[in-house]
Amino acid sequence: MAKNKDTAVSKEKVEKKVKKNKKPNIFVRAWGKIKEIFSELKKVTWPSFSTVMKQLGCVLVIVVLVLAVIMLMDLGLGYLLKLIKPAATALATIGVL
């Protein structure tokens, strides 16, 4: 009889451990993550509209400046290529290149 009691008690302990180690299903875990995300978003300090507009203006100015620099480099390199190309063509006809 003592063996039966011991095995019953050990089975209960094993079942409790299995229940304790068992993860909740995927939907419960996903819903918990979504709730965490919303709680973190409530803690965020959002910038005002005027701050966003100032930063947007700075970004647009920098983009236009970089665009202008790249366009000038492209035009300059294109002009150099036009200067070099006739000379290279003339040298090729002579047989130097």
PDB file of N, CA and C in Angstrom:
ATOM      1  N   MET A   1       0.807  -1.194   0.000  1.00  0.00           N
ATOM      2  CA  MET A   1       0.000   0.000   0.000  1.00  0.00           C
ATOM      3  C   MET A   1       0.852   1.261   0.000  1.00  0.00           C
ATOM      4  N   ALA A   2       1.944   1.244   0.653  1.00  0.00           N
ATOM      5  CA  ALA A   2       2.810   2.415   0.729  1.00  0.00           C
ATOM      6  C   ALA A   2       3.367   2.746  -0.653  1.00  0.00           C
ATOM      7  N   LYS A   3       3.636   1.703  -1.431  1.00  0.00           N
ATOM      8  CA  LYS A   3       4.161   1.944  -2.768  1.00  0.00           C
ATOM      9  C   LYS A   3       3.126   2.640  -3.639  1.00  0.00           C
ATOM     10  N   ASN A   4       1.880   2.219  -3.518  1.00  0.00           N
ATOM     11  CA  ASN A   4       0.828   2.842  -4.313  1.00  0.00           C
ATOM     12  C   ASN A   4       0.655   4.317  -3.950  1.00  0.00           C
ATOM     13  N   LYS A   5       0.746   4.634  -2.665  1.00  0.00           N
ATOM     14  CA  LYS A   5       0.626   6.026  -2.228  1.00  0.00           C
ATOM     15  C   LYS A   5       1.791   6.853  -2.754  1.00  0.00           C
ATOM     16  N   ASP A   6       2.986   6.290  -2.670  1.00  0.00           N
ATOM     17  CA  ASP A   6       4.175   7.010  -3.137  1.00  0.00           C
ATOM     18  C   ASP A   6       4.106   7.254  -4.650  1.00  0.00           C
ATOM     19  N   THR A   7       3.664   6.267  -5.391  1.00  0.00           N
ATOM     20  CA  THR A   7       3.577   6.455  -6.845  1.00  0.00           C
ATOM     21  C   THR A   7       2.489   7.459  -7.198  1.00  0.00           C
ATOM     22  N   ALA A   8       1.389   7.475  -6.452  1.00  0.00           N
ATOM     23  CA  ALA A   8       0.322   8.438  -6.705  1.00  0.00           C
ATOM     24  C   ALA A   8       0.809   9.854  -6.418  1.00  0.00           C
ATOM     25  N   VAL A   9       1.540  10.004  -5.324  1.00  0.00           N
ATOM     26  CA  VAL A   9       2.067  11.323  -4.967  1.00  0.00           C
ATOM     27  C   VAL A   9       3.093  11.773  -6.001  1.00  0.00           C
ATOM     28  N   SER A  10       3.965  10.860  -6.442  1.00  0.00           N
ATOM     29  CA  SER A  10       4.981  11.232  -7.426  1.00  0.00           C
ATOM     30  C   SER A  10       4.334  11.567  -8.778  1.00  0.00           C
ATOM     31  N   LYS A  11       3.239  10.855  -9.130  1.00  0.00           N
ATOM     32  CA  LYS A  11       2.531  11.182 -10.367  1.00  0.00           C
ATOM     33  C   LYS A  11       1.927  12.581 -10.300  1.00  0.00           C
ATOM     34  N   GLU A  12       1.401  12.953  -9.147  1.00  0.00           N
ATOM     35  CA  GLU A  12       0.828  14.288  -8.986  1.00  0.00           C
ATOM     36  C   GLU A  12       1.910  15.358  -9.119  1.00  0.00           C
ATOM     37  N   LYS A  13       3.079  15.087  -8.558  1.00  0.00           N
ATOM     38  CA  LYS A  13       4.182  16.037  -8.659  1.00  0.00           C
ATOM     39  C   LYS A  13       4.619  16.208 -10.115  1.00  0.00           C
ATOM     40  N   VAL A  14       4.689  15.094 -10.829  1.00  0.00           N
ATOM     41  CA  VAL A  14       5.083  15.145 -12.232  1.00  0.00           C
ATOM     42  C   VAL A  14       4.047  15.934 -13.032  1.00  0.00           C
ATOM     43  N   GLU A  15       2.748  15.695 -12.782  1.00  0.00           N
ATOM     44  CA  GLU A  15       1.701  16.418 -13.495  1.00  0.00           C
ATOM     45  C   GLU A  15       1.764  17.918 -13.196  1.00  0.00           C
ATOM     46  N   LYS A  16       2.057  18.287 -11.947  1.00  0.00           N
ATOM     47  CA  LYS A  16       2.166  19.699 -11.600  1.00  0.00           C
ATOM     48  C   LYS A  16       3.350  20.339 -12.325  1.00  0.00           C
ATOM     49  N   LYS A  17       4.470  19.603 -12.407  1.00  0.00           N
ATOM     50  CA  LYS A  17       5.634  20.141 -13.105  1.00  0.00           C
ATOM     51  C   LYS A  17       5.336  20.330 -14.587  1.00  0.00           C
ATOM     52  N   VAL A  18       4.630  19.370 -15.182  1.00  0.00           N
ATOM     53  CA  VAL A  18       4.290  19.471 -16.594  1.00  0.00           C
ATOM     54  C   VAL A  18       3.388  20.683 -16.819  1.00  0.00           C
ATOM     55  N   LYS A  19       2.398  20.887 -15.973  1.00  0.00           N
ATOM     56  CA  LYS A  19       1.494  22.028 -16.109  1.00  0.00           C
ATOM     57  C   LYS A  19       2.250  23.336 -15.894  1.00  0.00           C
ATOM     58  N   LYS A  20       3.205  23.319 -14.961  1.00  0.00           N
ATOM     59  CA  LYS A  20       3.972  24.511 -14.654  1.00  0.00           C
ATOM     60  C   LYS A  20       4.880  24.895 -15.823  1.00  0.00           C
ATOM     61  N   ASN A  21       5.485  23.926 -16.497  1.00  0.00           N
ATOM     62  CA  ASN A  21       6.400  24.175 -17.595  1.00  0.00           C
ATOM     63  C   ASN A  21       5.690  24.413 -18.928  1.00  0.00           C
ATOM     64  N   LYS A  22       4.406  24.143 -19.005  1.00  0.00           N
ATOM     65  CA  LYS A  22       3.675  24.268 -20.257  1.00  0.00           C
ATOM     66  C   LYS A  22       3.459  25.745 -20.596  1.00  0.00           C
ATOM     67  N   LYS A  23       3.802  26.138 -21.844  1.00  0.00           N
ATOM     68  CA  LYS A  23       3.613  27.503 -22.288  1.00  0.00           C
ATOM     69  C   LYS A  23       2.154  27.722 -22.673  1.00  0.00           C
ATOM     70  N   PRO A  24       1.694  28.973 -22.570  1.00  0.00           N
ATOM     71  CA  PRO A  24       0.355  29.255 -23.095  1.00  0.00           C
ATOM     72  C   PRO A  24       0.390  29.180 -24.621  1.00  0.00           C
ATOM     73  N   ASN A  25      -0.782  29.050 -25.212  1.00  0.00           N
ATOM     74  CA  ASN A  25      -0.810  28.892 -26.670  1.00  0.00           C
ATOM     75  C   ASN A  25      -0.367  30.172 -27.374  1.00  0.00           C
ATOM     76  N   ILE A  26      -0.184  30.084 -28.668  1.00  0.00           N
ATOM     77  CA  ILE A  26       0.398  31.170 -29.461  1.00  0.00           C
ATOM     78  C   ILE A  26      -0.452  32.430 -29.421  1.00  0.00           C
ATOM     79  N   PHE A  27      -1.768  32.279 -29.376  1.00  0.00           N
ATOM     80  CA  PHE A  27      -2.652  33.433 -29.391  1.00  0.00           C
ATOM     81  C   PHE A  27      -2.567  34.210 -28.083  1.00  0.00           C
ATOM     82  N   VAL A  28      -2.459  33.500 -26.978  1.00  0.00           N
ATOM     83  CA  VAL A  28      -2.338  34.158 -25.677  1.00  0.00           C
ATOM     84  C   VAL A  28      -1.015  34.917 -25.610  1.00  0.00           C
ATOM     85  N   ARG A  29       0.069  34.311 -26.096  1.00  0.00           N
ATOM     86  CA  ARG A  29       1.367  34.981 -26.083  1.00  0.00           C
ATOM     87  C   ARG A  29       1.369  36.188 -27.015  1.00  0.00           C
ATOM     88  N   ALA A  30       0.747  36.051 -28.201  1.00  0.00           N
ATOM     89  CA  ALA A  30       0.701  37.165 -29.150  1.00  0.00           C
ATOM     90  C   ALA A  30      -0.112  38.330 -28.570  1.00  0.00           C
ATOM     91  N   TRP A  31      -1.231  38.036 -27.939  1.00  0.00           N
ATOM     92  CA  TRP A  31      -2.056  39.087 -27.358  1.00  0.00           C
ATOM     93  C   TRP A  31      -1.293  39.796 -26.230  1.00  0.00           C
ATOM     94  N   GLY A  32      -0.525  39.041 -25.461  1.00  0.00           N
ATOM     95  CA  GLY A  32       0.287  39.652 -24.407  1.00  0.00           C
ATOM     96  C   GLY A  32       1.320  40.602 -24.980  1.00  0.00           C
ATOM     97  N   LYS A  33       1.952  40.217 -26.095  1.00  0.00           N
ATOM     98  CA  LYS A  33       2.946  41.090 -26.745  1.00  0.00           C
ATOM     99  C   LYS A  33       2.278  42.354 -27.281  1.00  0.00           C
ATOM    100  N   ILE A  34       1.088  42.221 -27.853  1.00  0.00           N
ATOM    101  CA  ILE A  34       0.375  43.390 -28.389  1.00  0.00           C
ATOM    102  C   ILE A  34       0.031  44.351 -27.260  1.00  0.00           C
ATOM    103  N   LYS A  35      -0.390  43.832 -26.125  1.00  0.00           N
ATOM    104  CA  LYS A  35      -0.700  44.686 -24.977  1.00  0.00           C
ATOM    105  C   LYS A  35       0.550  45.401 -24.485  1.00  0.00           C
ATOM    106  N   GLU A  36       1.693  44.714 -24.501  1.00  0.00           N
ATOM    107  CA  GLU A  36       2.956  45.342 -24.099  1.00  0.00           C
ATOM    108  C   GLU A  36       3.322  46.480 -25.037  1.00  0.00           C
ATOM    109  N   ILE A  37       3.123  46.269 -26.325  1.00  0.00           N
ATOM    110  CA  ILE A  37       3.449  47.306 -27.315  1.00  0.00           C
ATOM    111  C   ILE A  37       2.606  48.552 -27.076  1.00  0.00           C
ATOM    112  N   PHE A  38       1.307  48.378 -26.856  1.00  0.00           N
ATOM    113  CA  PHE A  38       0.442  49.527 -26.638  1.00  0.00           C
ATOM    114  C   PHE A  38       0.787  50.246 -25.343  1.00  0.00           C
ATOM    115  N   SER A  39       1.148  49.491 -24.315  1.00  0.00           N
ATOM    116  CA  SER A  39       1.512  50.148 -23.059  1.00  0.00           C
ATOM    117  C   SER A  39       2.804  50.943 -23.216  1.00  0.00           C
ATOM    118  N   GLU A  40       3.753  50.453 -24.016  1.00  0.00           N
ATOM    119  CA  GLU A  40       4.987  51.194 -24.262  1.00  0.00           C
ATOM    120  C   GLU A  40       4.715  52.433 -25.110  1.00  0.00           C
ATOM    121  N   LEU A  41       3.811  52.329 -26.082  1.00  0.00           N
ATOM    122  CA  LEU A  41       3.494  53.484 -26.923  1.00  0.00           C
ATOM    123  C   LEU A  41       2.811  54.594 -26.123  1.00  0.00           C
ATOM    124  N   LYS A  42       2.104  54.249 -25.065  1.00  0.00           N
ATOM    125  CA  LYS A  42       1.480  55.264 -24.217  1.00  0.00           C
ATOM    126  C   LYS A  42       2.534  56.050 -23.445  1.00  0.00           C
ATOM    127  N   LYS A  43       3.700  55.443 -23.206  1.00  0.00           N
ATOM    128  CA  LYS A  43       4.768  56.098 -22.454  1.00  0.00           C
ATOM    129  C   LYS A  43       5.619  57.028 -23.322  1.00  0.00           C
ATOM    130  N   VAL A  44       5.487  56.928 -24.639  1.00  0.00           N
ATOM    131  CA  VAL A  44       6.317  57.704 -25.552  1.00  0.00           C
ATOM    132  C   VAL A  44       5.920  59.170 -25.493  1.00  0.00           C
ATOM    133  N   THR A  45       6.929  60.055 -25.520  1.00  0.00           N
ATOM    134  CA  THR A  45       6.678  61.488 -25.596  1.00  0.00           C
ATOM    135  C   THR A  45       6.735  61.875 -27.067  1.00  0.00           C
ATOM    136  N   TRP A  46       5.592  62.203 -27.630  1.00  0.00           N
ATOM    137  CA  TRP A  46       5.503  62.515 -29.037  1.00  0.00           C
ATOM    138  C   TRP A  46       5.840  63.984 -29.265  1.00  0.00           C
ATOM    139  N   PRO A  47       6.549  64.318 -30.355  1.00  0.00           N
ATOM    140  CA  PRO A  47       6.888  65.725 -30.628  1.00  0.00           C
ATOM    141  C   PRO A  47       5.662  66.503 -31.100  1.00  0.00           C
ATOM    142  N   SER A  48       5.744  67.824 -30.925  1.00  0.00           N
ATOM    143  CA  SER A  48       4.630  68.660 -31.366  1.00  0.00           C
ATOM    144  C   SER A  48       4.680  68.818 -32.892  1.00  0.00           C
ATOM    145  N   PHE A  49       3.597  69.330 -33.440  1.00  0.00           N
ATOM    146  CA  PHE A  49       3.501  69.496 -34.881  1.00  0.00           C
ATOM    147  C   PHE A  49       4.541  70.489 -35.393  1.00  0.00           C
ATOM    148  N   SER A  50       4.764  71.562 -34.646  1.00  0.00           N
ATOM    149  CA  SER A  50       5.746  72.557 -35.084  1.00  0.00           C
ATOM    150  C   SER A  50       7.158  71.969 -35.088  1.00  0.00           C
ATOM    151  N   THR A  51       7.480  71.134 -34.124  1.00  0.00           N
ATOM    152  CA  THR A  51       8.792  70.488 -34.093  1.00  0.00           C
ATOM    153  C   THR A  51       8.965  69.575 -35.298  1.00  0.00           C
ATOM    154  N   VAL A  52       7.938  68.826 -35.615  1.00  0.00           N
ATOM    155  CA  VAL A  52       8.002  67.923 -36.765  1.00  0.00           C
ATOM    156  C   VAL A  52       8.189  68.719 -38.054  1.00  0.00           C
ATOM    157  N   MET A  53       7.486  69.843 -38.196  1.00  0.00           N
ATOM    158  CA  MET A  53       7.605  70.660 -39.397  1.00  0.00           C
ATOM    159  C   MET A  53       9.003  71.266 -39.524  1.00  0.00           C
ATOM    160  N   LYS A  54       9.604  71.712 -38.413  1.00  0.00           N
ATOM    161  CA  LYS A  54      10.964  72.250 -38.445  1.00  0.00           C
ATOM    162  C   LYS A  54      11.955  71.180 -38.883  1.00  0.00           C
ATOM    163  N   GLN A  55      11.813  70.004 -38.331  1.00  0.00           N
ATOM    164  CA  GLN A  55      12.727  68.916 -38.686  1.00  0.00           C
ATOM    165  C   GLN A  55      12.530  68.487 -40.140  1.00  0.00           C
ATOM    166  N   LEU A  56      11.299  68.478 -40.596  1.00  0.00           N
ATOM    167  CA  LEU A  56      11.016  68.160 -41.995  1.00  0.00           C
ATOM    168  C   LEU A  56      11.662  69.181 -42.918  1.00  0.00           C
ATOM    169  N   GLY A  57      11.582  70.458 -42.564  1.00  0.00           N
ATOM    170  CA  GLY A  57      12.207  71.507 -43.356  1.00  0.00           C
ATOM    171  C   GLY A  57      13.715  71.317 -43.432  1.00  0.00           C
ATOM    172  N   CYS A  58      14.348  70.983 -42.319  1.00  0.00           N
ATOM    173  CA  CYS A  58      15.796  70.741 -42.313  1.00  0.00           C
ATOM    174  C   CYS A  58      16.156  69.568 -43.222  1.00  0.00           C
ATOM    175  N   VAL A  59      15.388  68.519 -43.154  1.00  0.00           N
ATOM    176  CA  VAL A  59      15.663  67.339 -43.990  1.00  0.00           C
ATOM    177  C   VAL A  59      15.520  67.690 -45.463  1.00  0.00           C
ATOM    178  N   LEU A  60      14.473  68.421 -45.820  1.00  0.00           N
ATOM    179  CA  LEU A  60      14.268  68.790 -47.222  1.00  0.00           C
ATOM    180  C   LEU A  60      15.388  69.686 -47.743  1.00  0.00           C
ATOM    181  N   VAL A  61      15.851  70.628 -46.924  1.00  0.00           N
ATOM    182  CA  VAL A  61      16.949  71.503 -47.332  1.00  0.00           C
ATOM    183  C   VAL A  61      18.213  70.690 -47.575  1.00  0.00           C
ATOM    184  N   ILE A  62      18.525  69.774 -46.698  1.00  0.00           N
ATOM    185  CA  ILE A  62      19.722  68.946 -46.850  1.00  0.00           C
ATOM    186  C   ILE A  62      19.615  68.068 -48.091  1.00  0.00           C
ATOM    187  N   VAL A  63      18.441  67.526 -48.347  1.00  0.00           N
ATOM    188  CA  VAL A  63      18.249  66.692 -49.543  1.00  0.00           C
ATOM    189  C   VAL A  63      18.472  67.512 -50.808  1.00  0.00           C
ATOM    190  N   VAL A  64      17.951  68.736 -50.840  1.00  0.00           N
ATOM    191  CA  VAL A  64      18.119  69.592 -52.017  1.00  0.00           C
ATOM    192  C   VAL A  64      19.601  69.952 -52.196  1.00  0.00           C
ATOM    193  N   LEU A  65      20.307  70.239 -51.106  1.00  0.00           N
ATOM    194  CA  LEU A  65      21.734  70.556 -51.205  1.00  0.00           C
ATOM    195  C   LEU A  65      22.537  69.370 -51.732  1.00  0.00           C
ATOM    196  N   VAL A  66      22.274  68.200 -51.227  1.00  0.00           N
ATOM    197  CA  VAL A  66      22.984  67.006 -51.693  1.00  0.00           C
ATOM    198  C   VAL A  66      22.654  66.756 -53.161  1.00  0.00           C
ATOM    199  N   LEU A  67      21.410  66.954 -53.547  1.00  0.00           N
ATOM    200  CA  LEU A  67      21.009  66.792 -54.939  1.00  0.00           C
ATOM    201  C   LEU A  67      21.777  67.757 -55.841  1.00  0.00           C
ATOM    202  N   ALA A  68      21.907  69.003 -55.396  1.00  0.00           N
ATOM    203  CA  ALA A  68      22.628  69.995 -56.192  1.00  0.00           C
ATOM    204  C   ALA A  68      24.100  69.607 -56.339  1.00  0.00           C
ATOM    205  N   VAL A  69      24.724  69.155 -55.265  1.00  0.00           N
ATOM    206  CA  VAL A  69      26.130  68.757 -55.325  1.00  0.00           C
ATOM    207  C   VAL A  69      26.311  67.593 -56.291  1.00  0.00           C
ATOM    208  N   ILE A  70      25.446  66.608 -56.213  1.00  0.00           N
ATOM    209  CA  ILE A  70      25.561  65.436 -57.099  1.00  0.00           C
ATOM    210  C   ILE A  70      25.327  65.841 -58.547  1.00  0.00           C
ATOM    211  N   MET A  71      24.372  66.741 -58.801  1.00  0.00           N
ATOM    212  CA  MET A  71      24.120  67.185 -60.168  1.00  0.00           C
ATOM    213  C   MET A  71      25.318  67.953 -60.732  1.00  0.00           C
ATOM    214  N   LEU A  72      25.925  68.809 -59.919  1.00  0.00           N
ATOM    215  CA  LEU A  72      27.097  69.551 -60.376  1.00  0.00           C
ATOM    216  C   LEU A  72      28.265  68.609 -60.680  1.00  0.00           C
ATOM    217  N   MET A  73      28.455  67.612 -59.841  1.00  0.00           N
ATOM    218  CA  MET A  73      29.518  66.641 -60.102  1.00  0.00           C
ATOM    219  C   MET A  73      29.237  65.888 -61.403  1.00  0.00           C
ATOM    220  N   ASP A  74      27.998  65.518 -61.625  1.00  0.00           N
ATOM    221  CA  ASP A  74      27.623  64.799 -62.839  1.00  0.00           C
ATOM    222  C   ASP A  74      27.861  65.661 -64.078  1.00  0.00           C
ATOM    223  N   LEU A  75      27.442  66.916 -64.017  1.00  0.00           N
ATOM    224  CA  LEU A  75      27.653  67.822 -65.151  1.00  0.00           C
ATOM    225  C   LEU A  75      29.147  68.043 -65.414  1.00  0.00           C
ATOM    226  N   GLY A  76      29.922  68.234 -64.366  1.00  0.00           N
ATOM    227  CA  GLY A  76      31.356  68.434 -64.522  1.00  0.00           C
ATOM    228  C   GLY A  76      32.047  67.225 -65.113  1.00  0.00           C
ATOM    229  N   LEU A  77      31.713  66.043 -64.629  1.00  0.00           N
ATOM    230  CA  LEU A  77      32.320  64.826 -65.170  1.00  0.00           C
ATOM    231  C   LEU A  77      31.872  64.576 -66.606  1.00  0.00           C
ATOM    232  N   GLY A  78      30.644  64.926 -66.926  1.00  0.00           N
ATOM    233  CA  GLY A  78      30.166  64.797 -68.303  1.00  0.00           C
ATOM    234  C   GLY A  78      30.916  65.730 -69.238  1.00  0.00           C
ATOM    235  N   TYR A  79      31.161  66.948 -68.773  1.00  0.00           N
ATOM    236  CA  TYR A  79      31.926  67.906 -69.583  1.00  0.00           C
ATOM    237  C   TYR A  79      33.348  67.394 -69.808  1.00  0.00           C
ATOM    238  N   LEU A  80      33.988  66.874 -68.754  1.00  0.00           N
ATOM    239  CA  LEU A  80      35.332  66.312 -68.904  1.00  0.00           C
ATOM    240  C   LEU A  80      35.337  65.149 -69.890  1.00  0.00           C
ATOM    241  N   LEU A  81      34.328  64.333 -69.845  1.00  0.00           N
ATOM    242  CA  LEU A  81      34.244  63.194 -70.765  1.00  0.00           C
ATOM    243  C   LEU A  81      34.130  63.673 -72.212  1.00  0.00           C
ATOM    244  N   LYS A  82      33.351  64.750 -72.424  1.00  0.00           N
ATOM    245  CA  LYS A  82      33.232  65.300 -73.781  1.00  0.00           C
ATOM    246  C   LYS A  82      34.573  65.861 -74.266  1.00  0.00           C
ATOM    247  N   LEU A  83      35.357  66.439 -73.350  1.00  0.00           N
ATOM    248  CA  LEU A  83      36.675  66.963 -73.726  1.00  0.00           C
ATOM    249  C   LEU A  83      37.659  65.839 -74.051  1.00  0.00           C
ATOM    250  N   ILE A  84      37.569  64.765 -73.312  1.00  0.00           N
ATOM    251  CA  ILE A  84      38.511  63.660 -73.479  1.00  0.00           C
ATOM    252  C   ILE A  84      38.142  62.797 -74.681  1.00  0.00           C
ATOM    253  N   LYS A  85      36.873  62.616 -74.946  1.00  0.00           N
ATOM    254  CA  LYS A  85      36.425  61.701 -75.995  1.00  0.00           C
ATOM    255  C   LYS A  85      36.937  62.083 -77.388  1.00  0.00           C
ATOM    256  N   PRO A  86      36.844  63.362 -77.832  1.00  0.00           N
ATOM    257  CA  PRO A  86      37.390  63.682 -79.178  1.00  0.00           C
ATOM    258  C   PRO A  86      38.895  63.454 -79.268  1.00  0.00           C
ATOM    259  N   ALA A  87      39.596  63.732 -78.200  1.00  0.00           N
ATOM    260  CA  ALA A  87      41.038  63.516 -78.216  1.00  0.00           C
ATOM    261  C   ALA A  87      41.347  62.037 -78.299  1.00  0.00           C
ATOM    262  N   ALA A  88      40.606  61.224 -77.597  1.00  0.00           N
ATOM    263  CA  ALA A  88      40.814  59.785 -77.631  1.00  0.00           C
ATOM    264  C   ALA A  88      40.458  59.238 -79.006  1.00  0.00           C
ATOM    265  N   THR A  89      39.410  59.774 -79.616  1.00  0.00           N
ATOM    266  CA  THR A  89      39.013  59.329 -80.951  1.00  0.00           C
ATOM    267  C   THR A  89      40.102  59.703 -81.965  1.00  0.00           C
ATOM    268  N   ALA A  90      40.654  60.913 -81.842  1.00  0.00           N
ATOM    269  CA  ALA A  90      41.715  61.335 -82.771  1.00  0.00           C
ATOM    270  C   ALA A  90      42.955  60.462 -82.598  1.00  0.00           C
ATOM    271  N   LEU A  91      43.295  60.142 -81.359  1.00  0.00           N
ATOM    272  CA  LEU A  91      44.458  59.285 -81.125  1.00  0.00           C
ATOM    273  C   LEU A  91      44.213  57.865 -81.629  1.00  0.00           C
ATOM    274  N   ALA A  92      42.991  57.413 -81.544  1.00  0.00           N
ATOM    275  CA  ALA A  92      42.670  56.059 -82.013  1.00  0.00           C
ATOM    276  C   ALA A  92      42.786  55.977 -83.519  1.00  0.00           C
ATOM    277  N   THR A  93      42.394  57.055 -84.227  1.00  0.00           N
ATOM    278  CA  THR A  93      42.498  57.029 -85.690  1.00  0.00           C
ATOM    279  C   THR A  93      43.955  57.056 -86.142  1.00  0.00           C
ATOM    280  N   ILE A  94      44.785  57.684 -85.369  1.00  0.00           N
ATOM    281  CA  ILE A  94      46.213  57.735 -85.704  1.00  0.00           C
ATOM    282  C   ILE A  94      46.862  56.378 -85.442  1.00  0.00           C
ATOM    283  N   GLY A  95      46.330  55.658 -84.477  1.00  0.00           N
ATOM    284  CA  GLY A  95      46.885  54.346 -84.152  1.00  0.00           C
ATOM    285  C   GLY A  95      47.683  54.344 -82.863  1.00  0.00           C
ATOM    286  N   VAL A  96      47.606  55.427 -82.088  1.00  0.00           N
ATOM    287  CA  VAL A  96      48.324  55.480 -80.820  1.00  0.00           C
ATOM    288  C   VAL A  96      47.625  54.629 -79.773  1.00  0.00           C
ATOM    289  N   LEU A  97      46.323  54.650 -79.766  1.00  0.00           N
ATOM    290  CA  LEU A  97      45.579  53.867 -78.761  1.00  0.00           C
ATOM    291  C   LEU A  97      45.164  52.535 -79.295  1.00  0.00           C
TER     292      LEU A  97
END
